[in-house]
């Protein structure tokens, strides 16, 4: 019985670590996407300004 509890705790800990590392990668990706969107918007503004 004790080994099942220990195994369950280890499984939950591994699942939590996996979930948290996935969240970190997602947040980092969102930051890159936002940065790219800001840069594209800035470039589009420059293109419009230069066309006049």
N, C-alpha and C. Protein backbone atom coordinates (compact mmCIF):
# COMPACT_ATOMS: atom_id res chain seq x y z
N UNK A 1 0.83 -1.20 0.00
CA UNK A 1 0.00 0.00 0.00
C UNK A 1 0.87 1.26 0.00
N UNK A 2 1.93 1.25 0.80
CA UNK A 2 2.81 2.42 0.91
C UNK A 2 3.50 2.70 -0.43
N UNK A 3 3.89 1.64 -1.16
CA UNK A 3 4.58 1.85 -2.43
C UNK A 3 3.66 2.50 -3.46
N UNK A 4 2.36 2.19 -3.42
CA UNK A 4 1.41 2.83 -4.33
C UNK A 4 1.28 4.33 -4.04
N UNK A 5 1.30 4.69 -2.78
CA UNK A 5 1.23 6.12 -2.42
C UNK A 5 2.48 6.84 -2.89
N UNK A 6 3.62 6.22 -2.69
CA UNK A 6 4.88 6.83 -3.12
C UNK A 6 4.89 6.96 -4.64
N UNK A 7 4.48 5.92 -5.33
CA UNK A 7 4.43 5.95 -6.78
C UNK A 7 3.44 7.01 -7.27
N UNK A 8 2.32 7.15 -6.61
CA UNK A 8 1.34 8.17 -6.96
C UNK A 8 1.91 9.57 -6.77
N UNK A 9 2.60 9.78 -5.68
CA UNK A 9 3.21 11.09 -5.42
C UNK A 9 4.25 11.42 -6.48
N UNK A 10 5.05 10.45 -6.86
CA UNK A 10 6.06 10.67 -7.89
C UNK A 10 5.39 11.00 -9.23
N UNK A 11 4.33 10.28 -9.56
CA UNK A 11 3.62 10.52 -10.81
C UNK A 11 3.01 11.92 -10.83
N UNK A 12 2.44 12.33 -9.72
CA UNK A 12 1.84 13.67 -9.65
C UNK A 12 2.93 14.73 -9.77
N UNK A 13 4.06 14.52 -9.13
CA UNK A 13 5.17 15.49 -9.20
C UNK A 13 5.69 15.59 -10.63
N UNK A 14 5.84 14.47 -11.32
CA UNK A 14 6.31 14.49 -12.70
C UNK A 14 5.30 15.19 -13.61
N UNK A 15 4.04 14.94 -13.39
CA UNK A 15 3.01 15.60 -14.19
C UNK A 15 3.03 17.11 -13.96
N UNK A 16 3.22 17.52 -12.72
CA UNK A 16 3.26 18.95 -12.40
C UNK A 16 4.47 19.62 -13.06
N UNK A 17 5.62 18.96 -13.00
CA UNK A 17 6.82 19.52 -13.62
C UNK A 17 6.64 19.64 -15.13
N UNK A 18 6.06 18.62 -15.73
CA UNK A 18 5.82 18.65 -17.18
C UNK A 18 4.86 19.78 -17.54
N UNK A 19 3.80 19.92 -16.78
CA UNK A 19 2.82 20.98 -17.03
C UNK A 19 3.45 22.36 -16.89
N UNK A 20 4.22 22.55 -15.84
CA UNK A 20 4.84 23.86 -15.61
C UNK A 20 5.87 24.20 -16.69
N UNK A 21 6.63 23.22 -17.14
CA UNK A 21 7.60 23.50 -18.20
C UNK A 21 6.89 23.81 -19.51
N UNK A 22 5.77 23.18 -19.75
CA UNK A 22 4.99 23.49 -20.95
C UNK A 22 4.45 24.91 -20.90
N UNK A 23 4.00 25.33 -19.74
CA UNK A 23 3.50 26.70 -19.58
C UNK A 23 4.61 27.71 -19.85
N UNK A 24 5.79 27.42 -19.36
CA UNK A 24 6.92 28.32 -19.59
C UNK A 24 7.24 28.47 -21.06
N UNK A 25 7.21 27.38 -21.80
CA UNK A 25 7.46 27.44 -23.24
C UNK A 25 6.36 28.21 -23.95
N UNK A 26 5.12 28.03 -23.52
CA UNK A 26 4.01 28.74 -24.14
C UNK A 26 4.11 30.23 -23.90
N UNK A 27 4.43 30.62 -22.68
CA UNK A 27 4.56 32.04 -22.36
C UNK A 27 5.71 32.66 -23.15
N UNK A 28 6.80 31.95 -23.27
CA UNK A 28 7.93 32.44 -24.05
C UNK A 28 7.53 32.62 -25.52
N UNK A 29 6.78 31.67 -26.05
CA UNK A 29 6.31 31.76 -27.43
C UNK A 29 5.36 32.93 -27.65
N UNK A 30 4.49 33.17 -26.68
CA UNK A 30 3.57 34.32 -26.77
C UNK A 30 4.36 35.62 -26.79
N UNK A 31 5.40 35.68 -25.99
CA UNK A 31 6.25 36.88 -25.98
C UNK A 31 6.91 37.12 -27.32
N UNK A 32 7.38 36.05 -27.96
CA UNK A 32 7.99 36.19 -29.29
C UNK A 32 6.96 36.63 -30.31
N UNK A 33 5.77 36.02 -30.25
CA UNK A 33 4.72 36.38 -31.20
C UNK A 33 4.32 37.84 -31.05
N UNK A 34 4.20 38.30 -29.81
CA UNK A 34 3.84 39.69 -29.56
C UNK A 34 4.93 40.62 -30.09
N UNK A 35 6.16 40.27 -29.86
CA UNK A 35 7.28 41.07 -30.35
C UNK A 35 7.26 41.15 -31.87
N UNK A 36 7.00 40.03 -32.52
CA UNK A 36 6.94 40.02 -33.99
C UNK A 36 5.77 40.85 -34.49
N UNK A 37 4.64 40.79 -33.82
CA UNK A 37 3.47 41.58 -34.23
C UNK A 37 3.75 43.07 -34.09
N UNK A 38 4.41 43.47 -33.01
CA UNK A 38 4.75 44.88 -32.79
C UNK A 38 5.72 45.34 -33.88
N UNK A 39 6.70 44.53 -34.19
CA UNK A 39 7.67 44.89 -35.23
C UNK A 39 6.99 45.01 -36.59
N UNK A 40 6.09 44.09 -36.90
CA UNK A 40 5.38 44.15 -38.19
C UNK A 40 4.50 45.40 -38.27
N UNK A 41 3.86 45.75 -37.18
CA UNK A 41 3.02 46.95 -37.15
C UNK A 41 3.87 48.20 -37.32
N UNK A 42 5.01 48.22 -36.67
CA UNK A 42 5.92 49.37 -36.80
C UNK A 42 6.40 49.50 -38.24
N UNK A 43 6.77 48.39 -38.84
CA UNK A 43 7.25 48.40 -40.22
C UNK A 43 6.15 48.85 -41.18
N UNK A 44 4.93 48.39 -40.95
CA UNK A 44 3.81 48.80 -41.79
C UNK A 44 3.57 50.30 -41.67
N UNK A 45 3.68 50.83 -40.46
CA UNK A 45 3.54 52.28 -40.26
C UNK A 45 4.61 53.05 -41.00
N UNK A 46 5.83 52.55 -40.95
CA UNK A 46 6.93 53.19 -41.69
C UNK A 46 6.69 53.14 -43.19
N UNK A 47 6.19 52.02 -43.69
CA UNK A 47 5.91 51.88 -45.12
C UNK A 47 4.84 52.88 -45.56
N UNK A 48 3.80 53.04 -44.73
CA UNK A 48 2.73 53.99 -45.06
C UNK A 48 3.27 55.41 -45.03
N UNK A 49 4.07 55.74 -44.02
CA UNK A 49 4.64 57.08 -43.90
C UNK A 49 5.56 57.40 -45.07
N UNK A 50 6.30 56.42 -45.53
CA UNK A 50 7.25 56.64 -46.63
C UNK A 50 6.56 56.68 -47.99
N UNK A 51 5.32 56.23 -48.06
CA UNK A 51 4.63 56.22 -49.36
C UNK A 51 4.06 57.58 -49.73
N UNK A 52 4.04 58.52 -48.78
CA UNK A 52 3.49 59.84 -49.08
C UNK A 52 4.57 60.75 -49.58
